[in-house]
């Protein structure tokens, strides 16, 4: 009884470093089901919201661009620039709102 238990414990101890490195790698790169990290999706949605190109912005004017897209984008940029804490992605805010 002691021998199989000792072998089991040794095999678990040998596999532990491989498991911990695998878990650490997974924590460094948390990708979703389709290989895209949630933060990437959030950044793309934030960019679309700032530029006025979300599905909700275009649902009434599809397939043509809405005529007030520039006004919507300017209004949203004004809000985000007036409330610096509202922007999770300052680099996106700078690139969109300074054009």
PDB file of N, CA and C in Angstrom:
ATOM      1  N   UNK A   1       0.817  -1.191   0.000  1.00  0.00           N
ATOM      2  CA  UNK A   1       0.000   0.000   0.000  1.00  0.00           C
ATOM      3  C   UNK A   1       0.859   1.251   0.000  1.00  0.00           C
ATOM      4  N   UNK A   2       2.003   1.201   0.707  1.00  0.00           N
ATOM      5  CA  UNK A   2       2.851   2.373   0.787  1.00  0.00           C
ATOM      6  C   UNK A   2       3.542   2.660  -0.539  1.00  0.00           C
ATOM      7  N   UNK A   3       3.918   1.598  -1.246  1.00  0.00           N
ATOM      8  CA  UNK A   3       4.641   1.792  -2.493  1.00  0.00           C
ATOM      9  C   UNK A   3       3.788   2.475  -3.570  1.00  0.00           C
ATOM     10  N   UNK A   4       2.546   2.041  -3.853  1.00  0.00           N
ATOM     11  CA  UNK A   4       1.729   2.742  -4.852  1.00  0.00           C
ATOM     12  C   UNK A   4       1.436   4.188  -4.441  1.00  0.00           C
ATOM     13  N   UNK A   5       1.242   4.415  -3.167  1.00  0.00           N
ATOM     14  CA  UNK A   5       0.991   5.770  -2.695  1.00  0.00           C
ATOM     15  C   UNK A   5       2.216   6.652  -2.901  1.00  0.00           C
ATOM     16  N   UNK A   6       3.393   6.104  -2.625  1.00  0.00           N
ATOM     17  CA  UNK A   6       4.631   6.861  -2.820  1.00  0.00           C
ATOM     18  C   UNK A   6       4.847   7.152  -4.306  1.00  0.00           C
ATOM     19  N   UNK A   7       4.571   6.189  -5.172  1.00  0.00           N
ATOM     20  CA  UNK A   7       4.703   6.416  -6.610  1.00  0.00           C
ATOM     21  C   UNK A   7       3.727   7.476  -7.101  1.00  0.00           C
ATOM     22  N   UNK A   8       2.545   7.444  -6.578  1.00  0.00           N
ATOM     23  CA  UNK A   8       1.537   8.445  -6.948  1.00  0.00           C
ATOM     24  C   UNK A   8       1.986   9.842  -6.526  1.00  0.00           C
ATOM     25  N   UNK A   9       2.492   9.968  -5.314  1.00  0.00           N
ATOM     26  CA  UNK A   9       2.960  11.252  -4.819  1.00  0.00           C
ATOM     27  C   UNK A   9       4.157  11.759  -5.618  1.00  0.00           C
ATOM     28  N   UNK A  10       5.068  10.855  -5.990  1.00  0.00           N
ATOM     29  CA  UNK A  10       6.221  11.253  -6.797  1.00  0.00           C
ATOM     30  C   UNK A  10       5.801  11.719  -8.184  1.00  0.00           C
ATOM     31  N   UNK A  11       4.845  11.040  -8.793  1.00  0.00           N
ATOM     32  CA  UNK A  11       4.400  11.457 -10.122  1.00  0.00           C
ATOM     33  C   UNK A  11       3.675  12.802 -10.058  1.00  0.00           C
ATOM     34  N   UNK A  12       2.926  13.026  -8.997  1.00  0.00           N
ATOM     35  CA  UNK A  12       2.278  14.328  -8.825  1.00  0.00           C
ATOM     36  C   UNK A  12       3.304  15.430  -8.606  1.00  0.00           C
ATOM     37  N   UNK A  13       4.325  15.143  -7.822  1.00  0.00           N
ATOM     38  CA  UNK A  13       5.374  16.131  -7.574  1.00  0.00           C
ATOM     39  C   UNK A  13       6.140  16.440  -8.858  1.00  0.00           C
ATOM     40  N   UNK A  14       6.331  15.459  -9.704  1.00  0.00           N
ATOM     41  CA  UNK A  14       7.035  15.686 -10.969  1.00  0.00           C
ATOM     42  C   UNK A  14       6.186  16.495 -11.942  1.00  0.00           C
ATOM     43  N   UNK A  15       4.881  16.325 -11.902  1.00  0.00           N
ATOM     44  CA  UNK A  15       3.994  17.034 -12.812  1.00  0.00           C
ATOM     45  C   UNK A  15       3.649  18.437 -12.326  1.00  0.00           C
ATOM     46  N   UNK A  16       3.874  18.749 -11.090  1.00  0.00           N
ATOM     47  CA  UNK A  16       3.490  20.036 -10.521  1.00  0.00           C
ATOM     48  C   UNK A  16       4.143  21.228 -11.218  1.00  0.00           C
ATOM     49  N   UNK A  17       5.456  21.227 -11.501  1.00  0.00           N
ATOM     50  CA  UNK A  17       6.036  22.389 -12.195  1.00  0.00           C
ATOM     51  C   UNK A  17       5.424  22.624 -13.570  1.00  0.00           C
ATOM     52  N   UNK A  18       5.134  21.570 -14.293  1.00  0.00           N
ATOM     53  CA  UNK A  18       4.522  21.725 -15.608  1.00  0.00           C
ATOM     54  C   UNK A  18       3.125  22.319 -15.489  1.00  0.00           C
ATOM     55  N   UNK A  19       2.371  21.882 -14.503  1.00  0.00           N
ATOM     56  CA  UNK A  19       1.024  22.424 -14.314  1.00  0.00           C
ATOM     57  C   UNK A  19       1.064  23.879 -13.892  1.00  0.00           C
ATOM     58  N   UNK A  20       1.972  24.237 -13.014  1.00  0.00           N
ATOM     59  CA  UNK A  20       2.028  25.633 -12.558  1.00  0.00           C
ATOM     60  C   UNK A  20       2.472  26.556 -13.678  1.00  0.00           C
ATOM     61  N   UNK A  21       3.398  26.112 -14.526  1.00  0.00           N
ATOM     62  CA  UNK A  21       3.809  26.968 -15.641  1.00  0.00           C
ATOM     63  C   UNK A  21       2.684  27.104 -16.658  1.00  0.00           C
ATOM     64  N   UNK A  22       1.920  26.055 -16.856  1.00  0.00           N
ATOM     65  CA  UNK A  22       0.784  26.113 -17.761  1.00  0.00           C
ATOM     66  C   UNK A  22      -0.267  27.080 -17.240  1.00  0.00           C
ATOM     67  N   UNK A  23      -0.545  27.022 -15.944  1.00  0.00           N
ATOM     68  CA  UNK A  23      -1.518  27.935 -15.346  1.00  0.00           C
ATOM     69  C   UNK A  23      -1.017  29.371 -15.384  1.00  0.00           C
ATOM     70  N   UNK A  24       0.261  29.591 -15.174  1.00  0.00           N
ATOM     71  CA  UNK A  24       0.819  30.941 -15.213  1.00  0.00           C
ATOM     72  C   UNK A  24       0.728  31.505 -16.622  1.00  0.00           C
ATOM     73  N   UNK A  25       0.989  30.682 -17.626  1.00  0.00           N
ATOM     74  CA  UNK A  25       0.887  31.136 -19.005  1.00  0.00           C
ATOM     75  C   UNK A  25      -0.559  31.489 -19.349  1.00  0.00           C
ATOM     76  N   UNK A  26      -1.490  30.712 -18.877  1.00  0.00           N
ATOM     77  CA  UNK A  26      -2.904  30.983 -19.141  1.00  0.00           C
ATOM     78  C   UNK A  26      -3.341  32.279 -18.469  1.00  0.00           C
ATOM     79  N   UNK A  27      -2.794  32.582 -17.313  1.00  0.00           N
ATOM     80  CA  UNK A  27      -3.155  33.816 -16.620  1.00  0.00           C
ATOM     81  C   UNK A  27      -2.551  35.030 -17.309  1.00  0.00           C
ATOM     82  N   UNK A  28      -1.382  34.875 -17.943  1.00  0.00           N
ATOM     83  CA  UNK A  28      -0.755  35.988 -18.648  1.00  0.00           C
ATOM     84  C   UNK A  28      -1.501  36.349 -19.925  1.00  0.00           C
ATOM     85  N   UNK A  29      -2.116  35.388 -20.570  1.00  0.00           N
ATOM     86  CA  UNK A  29      -2.779  35.607 -21.842  1.00  0.00           C
ATOM     87  C   UNK A  29      -4.202  35.071 -21.781  1.00  0.00           C
ATOM     88  N   UNK A  30      -5.089  35.755 -21.087  1.00  0.00           N
ATOM     89  CA  UNK A  30      -6.457  35.242 -20.989  1.00  0.00           C
ATOM     90  C   UNK A  30      -7.239  35.517 -22.267  1.00  0.00           C
ATOM     91  N   UNK A  31      -7.278  34.573 -23.145  1.00  0.00           N
ATOM     92  CA  UNK A  31      -8.008  34.729 -24.396  1.00  0.00           C
ATOM     93  C   UNK A  31      -9.368  34.074 -24.265  1.00  0.00           C
ATOM     94  N   UNK A  32     -10.302  34.628 -24.973  1.00  0.00           N
ATOM     95  CA  UNK A  32     -11.644  34.086 -24.956  1.00  0.00           C
ATOM     96  C   UNK A  32     -11.749  32.848 -25.817  1.00  0.00           C
ATOM     97  N   UNK A  33     -12.949  32.489 -26.114  1.00  0.00           N
ATOM     98  CA  UNK A  33     -13.218  31.274 -26.867  1.00  0.00           C
ATOM     99  C   UNK A  33     -12.661  31.349 -28.289  1.00  0.00           C
ATOM    100  N   UNK A  34     -12.595  32.548 -28.848  1.00  0.00           N
ATOM    101  CA  UNK A  34     -12.141  32.699 -30.230  1.00  0.00           C
ATOM    102  C   UNK A  34     -10.716  33.233 -30.317  1.00  0.00           C
ATOM    103  N   UNK A  35      -9.969  33.212 -29.217  1.00  0.00           N
ATOM    104  CA  UNK A  35      -8.582  33.629 -29.246  1.00  0.00           C
ATOM    105  C   UNK A  35      -8.368  35.119 -29.078  1.00  0.00           C
ATOM    106  N   UNK A  36      -9.401  35.859 -28.726  1.00  0.00           N
ATOM    107  CA  UNK A  36      -9.290  37.297 -28.539  1.00  0.00           C
ATOM    108  C   UNK A  36      -9.475  37.600 -27.058  1.00  0.00           C
ATOM    109  N   UNK A  37      -8.554  38.375 -26.521  1.00  0.00           N
ATOM    110  CA  UNK A  37      -8.636  38.727 -25.105  1.00  0.00           C
ATOM    111  C   UNK A  37      -9.796  39.697 -24.882  1.00  0.00           C
ATOM    112  N   UNK A  38     -10.486  39.586 -23.752  1.00  0.00           N
ATOM    113  CA  UNK A  38     -11.612  40.477 -23.474  1.00  0.00           C
ATOM    114  C   UNK A  38     -11.229  41.954 -23.492  1.00  0.00           C
ATOM    115  N   UNK A  39     -10.005  42.282 -23.109  1.00  0.00           N
ATOM    116  CA  UNK A  39      -9.591  43.687 -23.113  1.00  0.00           C
ATOM    117  C   UNK A  39      -9.505  44.227 -24.536  1.00  0.00           C
ATOM    118  N   UNK A  40      -9.161  43.356 -25.512  1.00  0.00           N
ATOM    119  CA  UNK A  40      -9.137  43.780 -26.912  1.00  0.00           C
ATOM    120  C   UNK A  40     -10.536  44.100 -27.413  1.00  0.00           C
ATOM    121  N   UNK A  41     -11.480  43.269 -27.032  1.00  0.00           N
ATOM    122  CA  UNK A  41     -12.868  43.492 -27.434  1.00  0.00           C
ATOM    123  C   UNK A  41     -13.383  44.790 -26.816  1.00  0.00           C
ATOM    124  N   UNK A  42     -13.061  44.997 -25.557  1.00  0.00           N
ATOM    125  CA  UNK A  42     -13.491  46.212 -24.871  1.00  0.00           C
ATOM    126  C   UNK A  42     -12.895  47.453 -25.528  1.00  0.00           C
ATOM    127  N   UNK A  43     -11.626  47.379 -25.918  1.00  0.00           N
ATOM    128  CA  UNK A  43     -10.977  48.514 -26.575  1.00  0.00           C
ATOM    129  C   UNK A  43     -11.604  48.791 -27.939  1.00  0.00           C
ATOM    130  N   UNK A  44     -11.931  47.745 -28.684  1.00  0.00           N
ATOM    131  CA  UNK A  44     -12.567  47.942 -29.990  1.00  0.00           C
ATOM    132  C   UNK A  44     -13.965  48.537 -29.846  1.00  0.00           C
ATOM    133  N   UNK A  45     -14.699  48.090 -28.842  1.00  0.00           N
ATOM    134  CA  UNK A  45     -16.031  48.656 -28.607  1.00  0.00           C
ATOM    135  C   UNK A  45     -15.945  50.114 -28.183  1.00  0.00           C
ATOM    136  N   UNK A  46     -14.942  50.443 -27.367  1.00  0.00           N
ATOM    137  CA  UNK A  46     -14.752  51.831 -26.941  1.00  0.00           C
ATOM    138  C   UNK A  46     -14.413  52.709 -28.143  1.00  0.00           C
ATOM    139  N   UNK A  47     -13.550  52.214 -29.036  1.00  0.00           N
ATOM    140  CA  UNK A  47     -13.199  52.965 -30.243  1.00  0.00           C
ATOM    141  C   UNK A  47     -14.434  53.178 -31.122  1.00  0.00           C
ATOM    142  N   UNK A  48     -15.236  52.138 -31.292  1.00  0.00           N
ATOM    143  CA  UNK A  48     -16.457  52.254 -32.097  1.00  0.00           C
ATOM    144  C   UNK A  48     -17.436  53.239 -31.465  1.00  0.00           C
ATOM    145  N   UNK A  49     -17.521  53.249 -30.142  1.00  0.00           N
ATOM    146  CA  UNK A  49     -18.420  54.184 -29.462  1.00  0.00           C
ATOM    147  C   UNK A  49     -17.945  55.623 -29.665  1.00  0.00           C
ATOM    148  N   UNK A  50     -16.633  55.844 -29.539  1.00  0.00           N
ATOM    149  CA  UNK A  50     -16.114  57.202 -29.727  1.00  0.00           C
ATOM    150  C   UNK A  50     -16.300  57.704 -31.156  1.00  0.00           C
ATOM    151  N   UNK A  51     -16.148  56.823 -32.133  1.00  0.00           N
ATOM    152  CA  UNK A  51     -16.262  57.249 -33.527  1.00  0.00           C
ATOM    153  C   UNK A  51     -17.696  57.230 -34.035  1.00  0.00           C
ATOM    154  N   UNK A  52     -18.618  56.723 -33.240  1.00  0.00           N
ATOM    155  CA  UNK A  52     -20.021  56.694 -33.641  1.00  0.00           C
ATOM    156  C   UNK A  52     -20.328  55.603 -34.636  1.00  0.00           C
ATOM    157  N   UNK A  53     -19.627  54.491 -34.556  1.00  0.00           N
ATOM    158  CA  UNK A  53     -19.828  53.399 -35.527  1.00  0.00           C
ATOM    159  C   UNK A  53     -20.331  52.119 -34.878  1.00  0.00           C
ATOM    160  N   UNK A  54     -20.985  52.216 -33.740  1.00  0.00           N
ATOM    161  CA  UNK A  54     -21.547  51.013 -33.135  1.00  0.00           C
ATOM    162  C   UNK A  54     -22.786  50.594 -33.917  1.00  0.00           C
ATOM    163  N   UNK A  55     -23.227  49.389 -33.693  1.00  0.00           N
ATOM    164  CA  UNK A  55     -24.423  48.894 -34.380  1.00  0.00           C
ATOM    165  C   UNK A  55     -25.638  49.742 -34.035  1.00  0.00           C
ATOM    166  N   UNK A  56     -25.730  50.192 -32.805  1.00  0.00           N
ATOM    167  CA  UNK A  56     -26.862  51.022 -32.391  1.00  0.00           C
ATOM    168  C   UNK A  56     -26.842  52.375 -33.108  1.00  0.00           C
ATOM    169  N   UNK A  57     -25.645  52.892 -33.396  1.00  0.00           N
ATOM    170  CA  UNK A  57     -25.547  54.163 -34.107  1.00  0.00           C
ATOM    171  C   UNK A  57     -25.981  54.046 -35.559  1.00  0.00           C
ATOM    172  N   UNK A  58     -25.775  52.895 -36.150  1.00  0.00           N
ATOM    173  CA  UNK A  58     -26.014  52.740 -37.585  1.00  0.00           C
ATOM    174  C   UNK A  58     -27.266  51.945 -37.938  1.00  0.00           C
ATOM    175  N   UNK A  59     -28.028  51.514 -36.952  1.00  0.00           N
ATOM    176  CA  UNK A  59     -29.139  50.619 -37.270  1.00  0.00           C
ATOM    177  C   UNK A  59     -30.233  51.288 -38.095  1.00  0.00           C
ATOM    178  N   UNK A  60     -30.437  52.575 -37.958  1.00  0.00           N
ATOM    179  CA  UNK A  60     -31.496  53.244 -38.711  1.00  0.00           C
ATOM    180  C   UNK A  60     -31.045  53.725 -40.081  1.00  0.00           C
ATOM    181  N   UNK A  61     -29.742  53.774 -40.330  1.00  0.00           N
ATOM    182  CA  UNK A  61     -29.250  54.318 -41.589  1.00  0.00           C
ATOM    183  C   UNK A  61     -28.530  53.299 -42.468  1.00  0.00           C
ATOM    184  N   UNK A  62     -28.482  52.045 -42.037  1.00  0.00           N
ATOM    185  CA  UNK A  62     -27.783  51.027 -42.809  1.00  0.00           C
ATOM    186  C   UNK A  62     -28.396  50.896 -44.178  1.00  0.00           C
ATOM    187  N   UNK A  63     -27.678  50.751 -45.228  1.00  0.00           N
ATOM    188  CA  UNK A  63     -26.254  50.527 -45.440  1.00  0.00           C
ATOM    189  C   UNK A  63     -25.448  51.807 -45.609  1.00  0.00           C
ATOM    190  N   UNK A  64     -26.053  52.965 -45.454  1.00  0.00           N
ATOM    191  CA  UNK A  64     -25.334  54.226 -45.612  1.00  0.00           C
ATOM    192  C   UNK A  64     -24.898  54.748 -44.246  1.00  0.00           C
ATOM    193  N   UNK A  65     -23.798  55.469 -44.243  1.00  0.00           N
ATOM    194  CA  UNK A  65     -23.312  56.039 -42.984  1.00  0.00           C
ATOM    195  C   UNK A  65     -24.278  57.126 -42.514  1.00  0.00           C
ATOM    196  N   UNK A  66     -24.501  57.209 -41.208  1.00  0.00           N
ATOM    197  CA  UNK A  66     -25.383  58.261 -40.718  1.00  0.00           C
ATOM    198  C   UNK A  66     -24.783  59.642 -40.983  1.00  0.00           C
ATOM    199  N   UNK A  67     -25.635  60.597 -41.277  1.00  0.00           N
ATOM    200  CA  UNK A  67     -25.151  61.931 -41.624  1.00  0.00           C
ATOM    201  C   UNK A  67     -24.597  62.684 -40.419  1.00  0.00           C
ATOM    202  N   UNK A  68     -24.996  62.287 -39.229  1.00  0.00           N
ATOM    203  CA  UNK A  68     -24.551  63.002 -38.030  1.00  0.00           C
ATOM    204  C   UNK A  68     -23.427  62.279 -37.286  1.00  0.00           C
ATOM    205  N   UNK A  69     -22.707  61.391 -37.962  1.00  0.00           N
ATOM    206  CA  UNK A  69     -21.646  60.626 -37.300  1.00  0.00           C
ATOM    207  C   UNK A  69     -20.582  61.547 -36.704  1.00  0.00           C
ATOM    208  N   UNK A  70     -20.193  62.587 -37.423  1.00  0.00           N
ATOM    209  CA  UNK A  70     -19.159  63.506 -36.921  1.00  0.00           C
ATOM    210  C   UNK A  70     -19.659  64.248 -35.680  1.00  0.00           C
ATOM    211  N   UNK A  71     -20.927  64.620 -35.669  1.00  0.00           N
ATOM    212  CA  UNK A  71     -21.486  65.310 -34.496  1.00  0.00           C
ATOM    213  C   UNK A  71     -21.553  64.384 -33.287  1.00  0.00           C
ATOM    214  N   UNK A  72     -21.943  63.140 -33.516  1.00  0.00           N
ATOM    215  CA  UNK A  72     -22.009  62.162 -32.432  1.00  0.00           C
ATOM    216  C   UNK A  72     -20.616  61.923 -31.858  1.00  0.00           C
ATOM    217  N   UNK A  73     -19.640  61.760 -32.734  1.00  0.00           N
ATOM    218  CA  UNK A  73     -18.268  61.531 -32.286  1.00  0.00           C
ATOM    219  C   UNK A  73     -17.740  62.743 -31.516  1.00  0.00           C
ATOM    220  N   UNK A  74     -18.014  63.951 -32.007  1.00  0.00           N
ATOM    221  CA  UNK A  74     -17.560  65.165 -31.318  1.00  0.00           C
ATOM    222  C   UNK A  74     -18.209  65.284 -29.947  1.00  0.00           C
ATOM    223  N   UNK A  75     -19.474  64.938 -29.858  1.00  0.00           N
ATOM    224  CA  UNK A  75     -20.175  65.003 -28.573  1.00  0.00           C
ATOM    225  C   UNK A  75     -19.583  64.007 -27.578  1.00  0.00           C
ATOM    226  N   UNK A  76     -19.321  62.791 -28.031  1.00  0.00           N
ATOM    227  CA  UNK A  76     -18.756  61.774 -27.140  1.00  0.00           C
ATOM    228  C   UNK A  76     -17.322  62.113 -26.747  1.00  0.00           C
ATOM    229  N   UNK A  77     -16.550  62.661 -27.689  1.00  0.00           N
ATOM    230  CA  UNK A  77     -15.190  63.086 -27.361  1.00  0.00           C
ATOM    231  C   UNK A  77     -15.225  64.227 -26.340  1.00  0.00           C
ATOM    232  N   UNK A  78     -16.159  65.141 -26.515  1.00  0.00           N
ATOM    233  CA  UNK A  78     -16.288  66.235 -25.549  1.00  0.00           C
ATOM    234  C   UNK A  78     -16.599  65.720 -24.160  1.00  0.00           C
ATOM    235  N   UNK A  79     -17.452  64.729 -24.072  1.00  0.00           N
ATOM    236  CA  UNK A  79     -17.777  64.150 -22.771  1.00  0.00           C
ATOM    237  C   UNK A  79     -16.551  63.488 -22.143  1.00  0.00           C
ATOM    238  N   UNK A  80     -15.855  62.662 -22.927  1.00  0.00           N
ATOM    239  CA  UNK A  80     -14.711  61.920 -22.391  1.00  0.00           C
ATOM    240  C   UNK A  80     -13.573  62.875 -22.019  1.00  0.00           C
ATOM    241  N   UNK A  81     -13.349  63.912 -22.824  1.00  0.00           N
ATOM    242  CA  UNK A  81     -12.287  64.864 -22.506  1.00  0.00           C
ATOM    243  C   UNK A  81     -12.660  65.716 -21.293  1.00  0.00           C
ATOM    244  N   UNK A  82     -13.939  65.934 -21.088  1.00  0.00           N
ATOM    245  CA  UNK A  82     -14.393  66.689 -19.917  1.00  0.00           C
ATOM    246  C   UNK A  82     -14.410  65.870 -18.641  1.00  0.00           C
ATOM    247  N   UNK A  83     -14.453  64.566 -18.775  1.00  0.00           N
ATOM    248  CA  UNK A  83     -14.453  63.637 -17.637  1.00  0.00           C
ATOM    249  C   UNK A  83     -13.304  62.652 -17.813  1.00  0.00           C
ATOM    250  N   UNK A  84     -12.088  63.027 -17.424  1.00  0.00           N
ATOM    251  CA  UNK A  84     -10.927  62.157 -17.673  1.00  0.00           C
ATOM    252  C   UNK A  84     -11.041  60.769 -17.052  1.00  0.00           C
ATOM    253  N   UNK A  85     -11.772  60.616 -15.980  1.00  0.00           N
ATOM    254  CA  UNK A  85     -11.922  59.306 -15.357  1.00  0.00           C
ATOM    255  C   UNK A  85     -12.817  58.374 -16.152  1.00  0.00           C
ATOM    256  N   UNK A  86     -13.526  58.891 -17.150  1.00  0.00           N
ATOM    257  CA  UNK A  86     -14.445  58.077 -17.931  1.00  0.00           C
ATOM    258  C   UNK A  86     -13.723  57.236 -18.978  1.00  0.00           C
ATOM    259  N   UNK A  87     -12.479  57.567 -19.265  1.00  0.00           N
ATOM    260  CA  UNK A  87     -11.741  56.863 -20.305  1.00  0.00           C
ATOM    261  C   UNK A  87     -10.849  55.781 -19.719  1.00  0.00           C
ATOM    262  N   UNK A  88     -11.129  54.532 -20.101  1.00  0.00           N
ATOM    263  CA  UNK A  88     -10.266  53.419 -19.701  1.00  0.00           C
ATOM    264  C   UNK A  88      -9.092  53.284 -20.646  1.00  0.00           C
ATOM    265  N   UNK A  89      -9.209  53.863 -21.835  1.00  0.00           N
ATOM    266  CA  UNK A  89      -8.196  53.737 -22.873  1.00  0.00           C
ATOM    267  C   UNK A  89      -7.767  55.128 -23.334  1.00  0.00           C
ATOM    268  N   UNK A  90      -6.880  55.787 -22.589  1.00  0.00           N
ATOM    269  CA  UNK A  90      -6.471  57.152 -22.948  1.00  0.00           C
ATOM    270  C   UNK A  90      -5.815  57.243 -24.326  1.00  0.00           C
ATOM    271  N   UNK A  91      -5.100  56.222 -24.751  1.00  0.00           N
ATOM    272  CA  UNK A  91      -4.458  56.264 -26.066  1.00  0.00           C
ATOM    273  C   UNK A  91      -5.506  56.303 -27.179  1.00  0.00           C
ATOM    274  N   UNK A  92      -6.567  55.550 -27.029  1.00  0.00           N
ATOM    275  CA  UNK A  92      -7.640  55.567 -28.028  1.00  0.00           C
ATOM    276  C   UNK A  92      -8.336  56.915 -28.004  1.00  0.00           C
ATOM    277  N   UNK A  93      -8.550  57.450 -26.824  1.00  0.00           N
ATOM    278  CA  UNK A  93      -9.189  58.760 -26.704  1.00  0.00           C
ATOM    279  C   UNK A  93      -8.354  59.817 -27.413  1.00  0.00           C
ATOM    280  N   UNK A  94      -7.042  59.796 -27.188  1.00  0.00           N
ATOM    281  CA  UNK A  94      -6.171  60.784 -27.847  1.00  0.00           C
ATOM    282  C   UNK A  94      -6.178  60.615 -29.355  1.00  0.00           C
ATOM    283  N   UNK A  95      -6.146  59.389 -29.837  1.00  0.00           N
ATOM    284  CA  UNK A  95      -6.079  59.184 -31.294  1.00  0.00           C
ATOM    285  C   UNK A  95      -7.387  59.567 -31.980  1.00  0.00           C
ATOM    286  N   UNK A  96      -8.510  59.323 -31.346  1.00  0.00           N
ATOM    287  CA  UNK A  96      -9.790  59.627 -31.988  1.00  0.00           C
ATOM    288  C   UNK A  96     -10.166  61.102 -31.813  1.00  0.00           C
ATOM    289  N   UNK A  97      -9.957  61.626 -30.635  1.00  0.00           N
ATOM    290  CA  UNK A  97     -10.477  62.971 -30.306  1.00  0.00           C
ATOM    291  C   UNK A  97      -9.552  64.112 -30.728  1.00  0.00           C
ATOM    292  N   UNK A  98      -8.369  63.829 -31.202  1.00  0.00           N
ATOM    293  CA  UNK A  98      -7.487  64.917 -31.640  1.00  0.00           C
ATOM    294  C   UNK A  98      -7.394  65.021 -33.144  1.00  0.00           C
ATOM    295  N   UNK A  99      -8.237  64.302 -33.842  1.00  0.00           N
ATOM    296  CA  UNK A  99      -8.210  64.347 -35.313  1.00  0.00           C
ATOM    297  C   UNK A  99      -8.995  65.505 -35.825  1.00  0.00           C
TER     298      UNK A  99
END
